[in-house]
Amino acid sequence: MEAEGLDWLLVPLHQLVSWGAAAAMVFGGVVPYVPQYRDIRRTQNADGFSTYVCLVLLVANILRILFWFGRRFESPLLWQSAIMILTMLLMLKLCTEVRVANELNARRRSFAAADSKDEEVKVAPRRSFLDFDPHHFWQWSSFWDYVQCVLAFTGVAGYITYLSIDSTLFVETLGFLAVLTEAMLGVPQLYRNHRHQSTEGMSIKMVLMWTSGDAFKTAYFLLKGAPLQFSVCGLLQVLVDLAILGQAYAFARHPQKPALHAVHPAGTKAL
């Protein structure tokens, strides 16, 4: 009798917790990028953030949406993918604008100049998606080039999925590729930090939010009985996040001495 009396409280409370968990899944993934976005806008410098992180998340979430057509999973995960795609496009837009502005504003000085005036400012050549130059892939000068690339990838992947949607092997492989790509999210940042032996310009808040969000997401996958691929790759993602935090700790304790003659132009790429 007492248990029945508590039902009026427990049922709506359970529903409220369920809604909260779903909302956290939908919007929690984009929260880590808020401090990074604000840092880039404040400093007008995107060197510390690897735009390949955006590439990884765009590919992963496009593939996840296509996977949904072959094997339906929870709606919050689907909405999370759509919102993440929009967020990554906003990050790319900001990084491209900042990088191009820095390249145009860079003034080159030469010790051997005939007079003491600065050399003529040289505008960096425009790099376009339609050039198909692999050396400049994902380093284009216009946000529209990134949009074209994303649309082209979505069209090709969507057409292949449409032709193979009845194949269980293809659908399961698609799902595995989607979550495996997302699990590699932190690898570009991990590599960038290792190459520069520094985490300068990287938002520690962003990585901490990555770690907490990925841990929550993995627990959500396990509790909700999501496809096995989601849980395994979620655990891998947490390990990569911890590795990046380890880099931040190690480089903070043993900072690299700046090179006396090194020149770092404002337009240098993060990766």
Protein backbone atom coordinates (compact mmCIF):
# COMPACT_ATOMS: atom_id res chain seq x y z
CA MET A 1 0.00 0.00 0.00
CA GLU A 2 2.85 2.32 0.91
CA ALA A 3 4.65 1.48 -2.35
CA GLU A 4 1.53 2.33 -4.31
CA GLY A 5 1.32 5.63 -2.49
CA LEU A 6 4.81 6.54 -3.66
CA ASP A 7 4.05 5.76 -7.29
CA TRP A 8 2.61 9.24 -7.83
CA LEU A 9 6.06 10.63 -6.95
CA LEU A 10 8.39 8.01 -8.40
CA VAL A 11 6.80 7.76 -11.84
CA PRO A 12 7.03 11.48 -12.73
CA LEU A 13 10.48 11.63 -11.08
CA HIS A 14 11.68 8.76 -13.27
CA GLN A 15 10.22 10.48 -16.32
CA LEU A 16 11.92 13.74 -15.37
CA VAL A 17 15.30 12.00 -14.99
CA SER A 18 14.78 10.29 -18.34
CA TRP A 19 14.04 13.61 -20.04
CA GLY A 20 17.08 15.17 -18.36
CA ALA A 21 19.36 12.37 -19.56
CA ALA A 22 17.98 12.69 -23.09
CA ALA A 23 18.51 16.47 -23.08
CA ALA A 24 22.06 15.97 -21.80
CA MET A 25 22.73 13.56 -24.66
CA VAL A 26 21.32 15.95 -27.27
CA PHE A 27 23.03 19.14 -26.13
CA GLY A 28 25.86 17.89 -23.93
CA GLY A 29 28.09 17.07 -26.88
CA VAL A 30 28.29 20.67 -28.06
CA VAL A 31 28.95 22.25 -24.65
CA PRO A 32 32.73 21.52 -24.66
CA TYR A 33 33.14 23.68 -27.76
CA VAL A 34 31.62 26.78 -26.17
CA PRO A 35 34.78 27.81 -24.24
CA GLN A 36 36.98 27.01 -27.26
CA TYR A 37 34.72 29.07 -29.54
CA ARG A 38 34.82 31.99 -27.10
CA ASP A 39 38.62 31.77 -26.75
CA ILE A 40 39.08 31.89 -30.52
CA ARG A 41 36.76 34.87 -30.88
CA ARG A 42 38.45 36.69 -27.99
CA THR A 43 42.04 36.10 -29.12
CA GLN A 44 41.37 36.03 -32.87
CA ASN A 45 43.75 33.08 -33.01
CA ALA A 46 42.71 29.54 -33.95
CA ASP A 47 46.18 27.96 -33.87
CA GLY A 48 45.52 25.94 -30.73
CA PHE A 49 42.45 24.19 -32.14
CA SER A 50 42.73 21.53 -34.83
CA THR A 51 40.03 21.89 -37.46
CA TYR A 52 40.49 18.19 -38.17
CA VAL A 53 38.44 17.68 -35.00
CA CYS A 54 35.56 19.23 -36.95
CA LEU A 55 36.26 16.90 -39.88
CA VAL A 56 36.18 13.82 -37.63
CA LEU A 57 32.90 14.83 -35.99
CA LEU A 58 31.24 15.79 -39.26
CA VAL A 59 32.07 12.43 -40.84
CA ALA A 60 31.11 10.48 -37.71
CA ASN A 61 27.73 12.16 -37.28
CA ILE A 62 26.80 12.00 -40.96
CA LEU A 63 27.53 8.27 -40.92
CA ARG A 64 25.56 7.87 -37.68
CA ILE A 65 22.50 9.51 -39.24
CA LEU A 66 22.79 7.19 -42.25
CA PHE A 67 23.14 4.23 -39.86
CA TRP A 68 19.82 5.23 -38.28
CA PHE A 69 18.02 4.52 -41.57
CA GLY A 70 19.29 0.94 -41.49
CA ARG A 71 19.00 0.29 -37.77
CA ARG A 72 16.86 2.59 -35.65
CA PHE A 73 18.31 3.70 -32.32
CA GLU A 74 17.23 6.20 -29.69
CA SER A 75 15.99 9.55 -31.01
CA PRO A 76 18.24 11.65 -28.67
CA LEU A 77 21.31 10.16 -30.39
CA LEU A 78 19.88 11.13 -33.77
CA TRP A 79 19.17 14.71 -32.68
CA GLN A 80 22.61 14.89 -31.08
CA SER A 81 24.18 14.14 -34.47
CA ALA A 82 22.18 16.87 -36.23
CA ILE A 83 23.09 19.49 -33.63
CA MET A 84 26.74 18.43 -33.62
CA ILE A 85 26.95 18.87 -37.40
CA LEU A 86 25.62 22.43 -37.11
CA THR A 87 28.06 23.16 -34.26
CA MET A 88 31.07 21.92 -36.22
CA LEU A 89 30.08 24.05 -39.20
CA LEU A 90 29.98 27.09 -36.91
CA MET A 91 33.43 26.21 -35.52
CA LEU A 92 34.78 25.84 -39.06
CA LYS A 93 33.30 29.18 -40.11
CA LEU A 94 34.94 30.99 -37.21
CA CYS A 95 38.32 29.27 -37.62
CA THR A 96 38.37 29.97 -41.37
CA GLU A 97 37.52 33.65 -40.91
CA VAL A 98 40.16 34.08 -38.21
CA ARG A 99 42.86 32.23 -40.13
CA VAL A 100 42.25 34.13 -43.38
CA ALA A 101 42.18 37.46 -41.53
CA ASN A 102 45.50 36.67 -39.85
CA GLU A 103 47.08 35.67 -43.17
CA LEU A 104 45.97 38.91 -44.79
CA ASN A 105 47.15 41.03 -41.85
CA ALA A 106 50.56 39.38 -41.54
CA ARG A 107 53.32 41.82 -42.40
CA ARG A 108 56.59 40.32 -43.57
CA ARG A 109 59.86 41.98 -42.53
CA SER A 110 63.29 41.37 -43.96
CA PHE A 111 66.65 42.23 -42.41
CA ALA A 112 68.12 42.76 -45.90
CA ALA A 113 65.43 45.20 -47.07
CA ALA A 114 66.68 48.27 -48.91
CA ASP A 115 64.96 50.56 -46.43
CA SER A 116 63.47 50.22 -42.97
CA LYS A 117 59.91 49.91 -44.23
CA ASP A 118 57.98 46.67 -44.11
CA GLU A 119 57.94 44.55 -47.22
CA GLU A 120 54.83 44.56 -49.32
CA VAL A 121 52.06 42.46 -47.79
CA LYS A 122 51.53 39.33 -49.84
CA VAL A 123 48.11 37.78 -49.87
CA ALA A 124 48.13 34.02 -49.39
CA PRO A 125 46.84 32.13 -52.44
CA ARG A 126 43.22 31.08 -52.22
CA ARG A 127 42.78 27.38 -51.63
CA SER A 128 39.57 25.87 -52.90
CA PHE A 129 37.84 22.53 -52.41
CA LEU A 130 37.42 22.33 -56.20
CA ASP A 131 41.21 22.45 -56.68
CA PHE A 132 41.38 18.87 -55.38
CA ASP A 133 44.89 19.45 -54.07
CA PRO A 134 45.50 16.77 -51.39
CA HIS A 135 48.25 18.88 -49.83
CA HIS A 136 45.73 21.57 -48.95
CA PHE A 137 42.84 19.29 -48.03
CA TRP A 138 40.75 20.78 -45.21
CA GLN A 139 42.89 23.94 -45.26
CA TRP A 140 40.74 26.00 -47.59
CA SER A 141 40.33 29.75 -47.61
CA SER A 142 36.55 29.91 -47.75
CA PHE A 143 33.91 28.43 -45.48
CA TRP A 144 31.83 27.59 -48.55
CA ASP A 145 34.54 25.13 -49.67
CA TYR A 146 34.05 23.17 -46.46
CA VAL A 147 30.28 23.17 -46.99
CA GLN A 148 30.75 21.83 -50.53
CA CYS A 149 32.97 19.04 -49.23
CA VAL A 150 30.46 18.07 -46.54
CA LEU A 151 27.59 18.08 -49.05
CA ALA A 152 29.60 15.99 -51.52
CA PHE A 153 30.49 13.42 -48.86
CA THR A 154 26.89 13.28 -47.62
CA GLY A 155 25.58 12.77 -51.16
CA VAL A 156 28.01 9.96 -52.01
CA ALA A 157 27.62 8.20 -48.66
CA GLY A 158 23.85 8.59 -48.79
CA TYR A 159 23.65 7.12 -52.29
CA ILE A 160 25.78 4.12 -51.31
CA THR A 161 23.64 3.61 -48.20
CA TYR A 162 20.46 3.77 -50.30
CA LEU A 163 21.78 1.04 -52.59
CA SER A 164 22.98 -1.20 -49.74
CA ILE A 165 20.37 -0.54 -47.05
CA ASP A 166 19.05 -4.12 -47.21
CA SER A 167 22.45 -5.62 -46.41
CA THR A 168 22.82 -6.33 -42.69
CA LEU A 169 26.60 -6.53 -43.03
CA PHE A 170 26.74 -3.11 -44.68
CA VAL A 171 24.49 -1.50 -42.06
CA GLU A 172 26.46 -2.92 -39.14
CA THR A 173 29.73 -1.90 -40.76
CA LEU A 174 28.34 1.60 -41.31
CA GLY A 175 27.42 1.84 -37.64
CA PHE A 176 30.85 0.63 -36.59
CA LEU A 177 32.57 3.17 -38.87
CA ALA A 178 30.40 5.95 -37.47
CA VAL A 179 31.25 5.36 -33.83
CA LEU A 180 34.87 4.40 -34.55
CA THR A 181 35.38 7.69 -36.38
CA GLU A 182 33.86 9.55 -33.45
CA ALA A 183 36.10 7.62 -31.07
CA MET A 184 39.07 9.06 -32.97
CA LEU A 185 37.81 12.58 -32.20
CA GLY A 186 40.67 13.50 -29.92
CA VAL A 187 43.42 11.98 -32.08
CA PRO A 188 44.03 15.12 -34.23
CA GLN A 189 44.36 17.21 -31.06
CA LEU A 190 46.54 14.51 -29.47
CA TYR A 191 48.83 14.52 -32.50
CA ARG A 192 48.91 18.31 -32.70
CA ASN A 193 49.94 18.53 -29.03
CA HIS A 194 52.63 15.88 -29.50
CA ARG A 195 54.03 17.56 -32.61
CA HIS A 196 54.29 20.95 -30.93
CA GLN A 197 55.17 19.49 -27.51
CA SER A 198 52.67 21.96 -26.12
CA THR A 199 48.97 22.40 -25.41
CA GLU A 200 49.13 26.20 -25.73
CA GLY A 201 45.94 27.55 -27.27
CA MET A 202 43.96 24.41 -26.43
CA SER A 203 41.09 24.91 -24.01
CA ILE A 204 41.57 22.63 -20.99
CA LYS A 205 37.92 23.25 -20.16
CA MET A 206 37.01 21.80 -23.54
CA VAL A 207 38.97 18.59 -22.90
CA LEU A 208 37.59 18.23 -19.38
CA MET A 209 34.10 18.55 -20.82
CA TRP A 210 35.02 16.02 -23.51
CA THR A 211 36.04 13.55 -20.82
CA SER A 212 33.01 14.01 -18.58
CA GLY A 213 30.65 14.03 -21.57
CA ASP A 214 32.15 10.90 -23.10
CA ALA A 215 32.00 9.10 -19.75
CA PHE A 216 28.33 10.05 -19.38
CA LYS A 217 27.62 9.08 -22.98
CA THR A 218 29.26 5.67 -22.58
CA ALA A 219 27.26 5.00 -19.41
CA TYR A 220 24.10 6.06 -21.29
CA PHE A 221 24.92 3.60 -24.08
CA LEU A 222 25.39 0.75 -21.60
CA LEU A 223 22.24 1.51 -19.61
CA LYS A 224 20.04 2.03 -22.67
CA GLY A 225 21.24 -1.10 -24.45
CA ALA A 226 22.57 0.80 -27.46
CA PRO A 227 24.30 -1.21 -30.22
CA LEU A 228 27.57 -2.75 -29.01
CA GLN A 229 29.62 -0.57 -31.36
CA PHE A 230 28.51 2.53 -29.44
CA SER A 231 29.68 1.24 -26.04
CA VAL A 232 33.06 -0.09 -27.19
CA CYS A 233 33.99 3.06 -29.08
CA GLY A 234 32.72 5.23 -26.23
CA LEU A 235 35.24 3.59 -23.92
CA LEU A 236 37.99 4.18 -26.49
CA GLN A 237 36.99 7.83 -26.69
CA VAL A 238 37.35 8.24 -22.92
CA LEU A 239 40.87 6.77 -23.09
CA VAL A 240 41.89 9.28 -25.79
CA ASP A 241 40.50 12.15 -23.69
CA LEU A 242 42.54 10.99 -20.70
CA ALA A 243 45.65 10.83 -22.88
CA ILE A 244 45.15 14.49 -23.91
CA LEU A 245 44.74 15.50 -20.26
CA GLY A 246 47.95 13.59 -19.53
CA GLN A 247 49.71 15.64 -22.22
CA ALA A 248 48.45 18.87 -20.67
CA TYR A 249 49.78 17.80 -17.27
CA ALA A 250 53.14 16.64 -18.64
CA PHE A 251 53.76 19.72 -20.80
CA ALA A 252 52.77 22.02 -17.94
CA ARG A 253 55.34 20.38 -15.64
CA HIS A 254 58.07 20.31 -18.30
CA PRO A 255 57.40 23.25 -20.67
CA GLN A 256 59.43 23.35 -23.85
CA LYS A 257 61.93 26.18 -24.08
CA PRO A 258 61.00 28.56 -26.92
CA ALA A 259 63.40 28.57 -29.85
CA LEU A 260 65.34 31.86 -30.12
CA HIS A 261 65.07 32.14 -33.88
CA ALA A 262 61.73 30.44 -34.46
CA VAL A 263 59.09 32.48 -36.24
CA HIS A 264 55.44 31.56 -35.81
CA PRO A 265 53.22 33.54 -38.19
CA ALA A 266 49.66 34.13 -37.11
CA GLY A 267 48.29 32.05 -39.95
CA THR A 268 50.05 28.80 -39.01
CA LYS A 269 47.73 25.79 -39.12
CA ALA A 270 46.97 23.80 -35.98
CA LEU A 271 47.53 20.61 -37.92
